[in-house]
Protein backbone atom coordinates (compact mmCIF):
# COMPACT_ATOMS: atom_id res chain seq x y z
CA MET A 1 -22.93 -112.02 -142.80
CA VAL A 2 -25.04 -110.02 -140.55
CA ASN A 3 -24.05 -105.98 -143.18
CA TYR A 4 -24.86 -108.44 -146.16
CA ILE A 5 -28.44 -108.93 -145.00
CA TRP A 6 -28.98 -105.25 -144.02
CA VAL A 7 -27.97 -104.29 -147.39
CA PHE A 8 -30.04 -106.51 -148.78
CA MET A 9 -32.65 -105.76 -146.60
CA THR A 10 -32.38 -101.51 -147.27
CA ILE A 11 -31.91 -103.80 -151.40
CA ILE A 12 -35.29 -104.94 -151.14
CA GLY A 13 -37.41 -101.81 -149.29
CA ILE A 14 -35.89 -99.09 -151.85
CA VAL A 15 -36.33 -101.04 -154.83
CA PHE A 16 -40.22 -101.84 -153.19
CA ALA A 17 -40.45 -98.10 -152.48
CA LEU A 18 -39.69 -97.69 -156.19
CA PHE A 19 -42.25 -100.35 -157.32
CA ASN A 20 -45.41 -99.52 -155.21
CA GLY A 21 -44.36 -95.51 -154.84
CA THR A 22 -43.56 -94.40 -151.53
CA ILE A 23 -40.05 -93.48 -152.15
CA GLU A 24 -40.71 -90.34 -150.27
CA ALA A 25 -41.86 -91.54 -147.70
CA VAL A 26 -38.52 -94.02 -147.57
CA ASN A 27 -36.98 -90.31 -147.89
CA LYS A 28 -38.77 -89.08 -144.85
CA ALA A 29 -37.85 -91.54 -142.76
CA VAL A 30 -34.39 -92.06 -143.07
CA PHE A 31 -34.67 -88.43 -142.90
CA ASP A 32 -35.93 -88.72 -139.08
CA GLY A 33 -34.06 -91.43 -138.58
CA ALA A 34 -31.04 -89.65 -138.64
CA LYS A 35 -32.36 -86.73 -137.02
CA GLU A 36 -34.24 -89.17 -134.18
CA ALA A 37 -30.91 -91.06 -133.72
CA VAL A 38 -28.83 -87.23 -133.38
CA THR A 39 -31.15 -86.14 -131.11
CA LEU A 40 -30.30 -89.37 -128.65
CA CYS A 41 -27.15 -90.01 -128.61
CA ILE A 42 -26.86 -85.71 -127.35
CA GLY A 43 -28.75 -86.81 -125.37
CA LEU A 44 -27.28 -89.97 -124.59
CA ILE A 45 -23.96 -88.34 -124.04
CA SER A 46 -24.96 -85.44 -121.61
CA VAL A 47 -25.89 -88.44 -118.99
CA LEU A 48 -22.86 -90.44 -119.22
CA VAL A 49 -20.37 -87.58 -120.04
CA PHE A 50 -21.60 -87.18 -116.27
CA TRP A 51 -21.82 -90.27 -114.79
CA LEU A 52 -18.31 -91.06 -115.67
CA GLY A 53 -16.77 -87.70 -114.40
CA MET A 54 -19.21 -88.80 -110.94
CA MET A 55 -17.27 -92.57 -111.71
CA ARG A 56 -14.34 -90.35 -111.64
CA ILE A 57 -14.33 -88.44 -108.41
CA ALA A 58 -15.57 -92.35 -106.96
CA GLU A 59 -11.90 -93.40 -108.00
CA GLU A 60 -9.98 -89.96 -106.86
CA SER A 61 -11.90 -90.00 -103.25
CA GLY A 62 -11.42 -93.89 -103.20
CA LEU A 63 -14.93 -94.88 -102.87
CA LEU A 64 -14.59 -96.44 -106.16
CA GLU A 65 -11.55 -98.56 -104.02
CA LYS A 66 -14.15 -99.22 -100.52
CA LEU A 67 -16.65 -100.29 -102.79
CA THR A 68 -14.63 -103.02 -104.88
CA LYS A 69 -12.82 -104.21 -101.04
CA LEU A 70 -16.24 -104.46 -99.74
CA PHE A 71 -17.28 -106.87 -103.39
CA ARG A 72 -14.06 -108.60 -102.22
CA PRO A 73 -15.06 -112.25 -101.11
CA LEU A 74 -17.88 -111.97 -102.68
CA VAL A 75 -16.77 -111.99 -105.91
CA LYS A 76 -13.81 -113.77 -104.99
CA ARG A 77 -16.28 -117.34 -103.79
CA LEU A 78 -18.17 -116.56 -107.29
CA PHE A 79 -14.79 -116.78 -109.10
CA PRO A 80 -12.49 -119.32 -107.13
CA GLU A 81 -10.19 -120.53 -109.89
CA VAL A 82 -8.87 -116.74 -109.84
CA PRO A 83 -6.43 -115.77 -107.76
CA PRO A 84 -7.03 -112.42 -105.19
CA ASN A 85 -4.63 -111.06 -106.49
CA HIS A 86 -4.45 -111.24 -110.00
CA PRO A 87 -5.35 -108.24 -111.91
CA ALA A 88 -8.23 -110.31 -113.60
CA MET A 89 -9.86 -110.02 -110.44
CA GLY A 90 -9.33 -105.93 -110.64
CA TYR A 91 -11.24 -105.69 -114.10
CA ILE A 92 -13.79 -107.77 -113.06
CA LEU A 93 -14.44 -105.71 -109.69
CA SER A 94 -14.11 -103.04 -112.26
CA ASN A 95 -16.67 -103.63 -114.57
CA MET A 96 -19.05 -105.20 -112.02
CA ILE A 97 -18.85 -101.72 -110.52
CA SER A 98 -19.59 -100.06 -113.77
CA ASN A 99 -22.75 -102.31 -114.10
CA MET A 100 -24.26 -101.29 -111.04
CA PHE A 101 -24.02 -97.26 -112.06
CA GLY A 102 -25.48 -99.00 -115.69
CA LEU A 103 -22.23 -97.51 -117.45
CA GLY A 104 -22.09 -99.64 -120.09
CA ASN A 105 -20.21 -98.56 -122.37
CA ALA A 106 -16.99 -98.11 -119.66
CA ALA A 107 -17.51 -101.49 -118.34
CA THR A 108 -17.87 -103.39 -122.10
CA PRO A 109 -13.65 -102.47 -122.04
CA LEU A 110 -13.10 -103.88 -118.63
CA GLY A 111 -15.54 -107.20 -119.40
CA ILE A 112 -13.39 -107.21 -121.87
CA LYS A 113 -9.74 -106.97 -120.25
CA ALA A 114 -11.05 -109.33 -117.74
CA MET A 115 -12.00 -112.28 -120.70
CA GLU A 116 -8.59 -111.32 -121.91
CA GLU A 117 -7.27 -112.64 -118.38
CA LEU A 118 -9.06 -115.97 -117.90
CA LYS A 119 -8.02 -116.76 -121.10
CA LYS A 120 -4.95 -116.91 -119.60
CA LEU A 121 -5.86 -118.04 -116.36
CA ASN A 122 -7.79 -120.62 -119.34
CA GLY A 123 -3.86 -121.75 -120.65
CA GLY A 124 -4.94 -119.60 -123.73
CA LYS A 125 -7.62 -122.10 -124.85
CA ASN A 126 -9.82 -121.14 -126.73
CA SER A 127 -12.75 -123.35 -124.78
CA ALA A 128 -14.35 -121.16 -121.99
CA SER A 129 -13.16 -122.07 -118.75
CA ARG A 130 -15.60 -122.02 -115.56
CA SER A 131 -14.90 -118.76 -114.27
CA MET A 132 -14.64 -117.12 -117.96
CA ILE A 133 -18.43 -118.94 -117.81
CA THR A 134 -19.00 -117.36 -114.64
CA PHE A 135 -17.87 -114.12 -115.87
CA LEU A 136 -20.10 -113.19 -118.92
CA ALA A 137 -23.57 -115.27 -116.65
CA ILE A 138 -23.10 -111.78 -113.84
CA ASN A 139 -21.97 -109.77 -116.60
CA THR A 140 -24.93 -109.76 -118.43
CA ALA A 141 -27.77 -110.05 -115.51
CA SER A 142 -25.56 -107.36 -113.81
CA ILE A 143 -26.91 -105.85 -110.76
CA THR A 144 -27.67 -101.94 -111.76
CA ILE A 145 -29.04 -99.31 -108.64
CA ILE A 146 -28.60 -95.97 -111.33
CA PRO A 147 -29.45 -97.03 -114.68
CA THR A 148 -27.95 -94.38 -116.67
CA THR A 149 -29.19 -95.09 -120.15
CA VAL A 150 -32.64 -95.63 -119.16
CA ILE A 151 -32.71 -92.22 -117.90
CA ALA A 152 -30.80 -90.35 -120.72
CA ILE A 153 -33.38 -91.64 -123.13
CA ARG A 154 -36.13 -91.48 -121.16
CA MET A 155 -35.16 -87.35 -120.13
CA THR A 156 -34.55 -86.75 -124.34
CA TYR A 157 -38.23 -88.47 -124.97
CA HIS A 158 -39.24 -86.39 -121.92
CA SER A 159 -40.65 -89.01 -119.74
CA VAL A 160 -42.78 -86.71 -116.81
CA SER A 161 -40.59 -88.58 -114.52
CA PRO A 162 -37.56 -90.36 -115.77
CA THR A 163 -36.07 -91.91 -112.79
CA GLU A 164 -39.45 -93.37 -111.66
CA ILE A 165 -37.87 -96.80 -113.48
CA VAL A 166 -34.93 -96.98 -110.20
CA VAL A 167 -36.17 -99.14 -108.59
CA PRO A 168 -37.73 -101.06 -110.42
CA THR A 169 -34.58 -101.60 -112.31
CA ILE A 170 -32.86 -102.40 -108.81
CA ILE A 171 -35.28 -105.54 -107.89
CA THR A 172 -35.21 -107.46 -112.03
CA THR A 173 -31.61 -106.78 -112.28
CA ILE A 174 -31.02 -108.35 -108.76
CA LEU A 175 -33.02 -110.72 -109.89
CA SER A 176 -31.41 -111.44 -112.63
CA ALA A 177 -28.39 -111.47 -111.29
CA ILE A 178 -29.73 -114.18 -109.26
CA GLY A 179 -30.62 -116.32 -112.15
CA ALA A 180 -27.03 -116.01 -113.48
CA VAL A 181 -25.26 -117.24 -110.73
CA LEU A 182 -28.37 -120.31 -109.63
CA ILE A 183 -28.04 -121.30 -113.71
CA ASP A 184 -24.36 -120.44 -113.62
CA ARG A 185 -23.83 -123.00 -111.19
CA TYR A 186 -26.85 -125.81 -111.37
CA PHE A 187 -24.77 -126.18 -115.09
CA TYR A 188 -20.90 -126.41 -113.77
CA TYR A 189 -21.90 -129.31 -110.73
CA ARG A 190 -23.99 -130.90 -113.95
CA ARG A 191 -21.41 -131.02 -116.17
CA ARG A 192 -19.09 -131.99 -112.65
CA LYS A 193 -20.94 -134.89 -111.97
CA GLY A 194 -21.79 -136.81 -115.83
């Protein structure tokens, strides 16, 4: 449905530009937008490749395993229905750590795998379990220590200080994650009482 909306909006825009006499501006905007997209992608790729490489080094050195052990007690409390050695727990922890380093592209497949494993624990039902809802809330409001994508965008557009966003990002993502967990728990206990 969304594809039809975009096609419809594009056709309306082109027809309007033809009648309005601004088709030249539309052509210019299309080519300028394509050029900007390529520039932005190249900037993002370089930073993401760097941080994915750093994640690989962290994995090979055992740092990721240590981070996983560090966060395991917290994650066990957030997901009490998930057995500690279940594959879902590993995917959840890997997703959270990837998000902490601002690697949303790397975190997405891990999040999908975590949801698949949580669905198996839920008996394959189409309704979301408590753990699935909690994971979605935490994943959406994930704590980010290094916002690599934002830093890459700021570098692409020649920001004077592309990393000045780090401290505000840490503070806001910690607050959003706490808020997400509190809201999740509030509605969970409210449903249990009701």
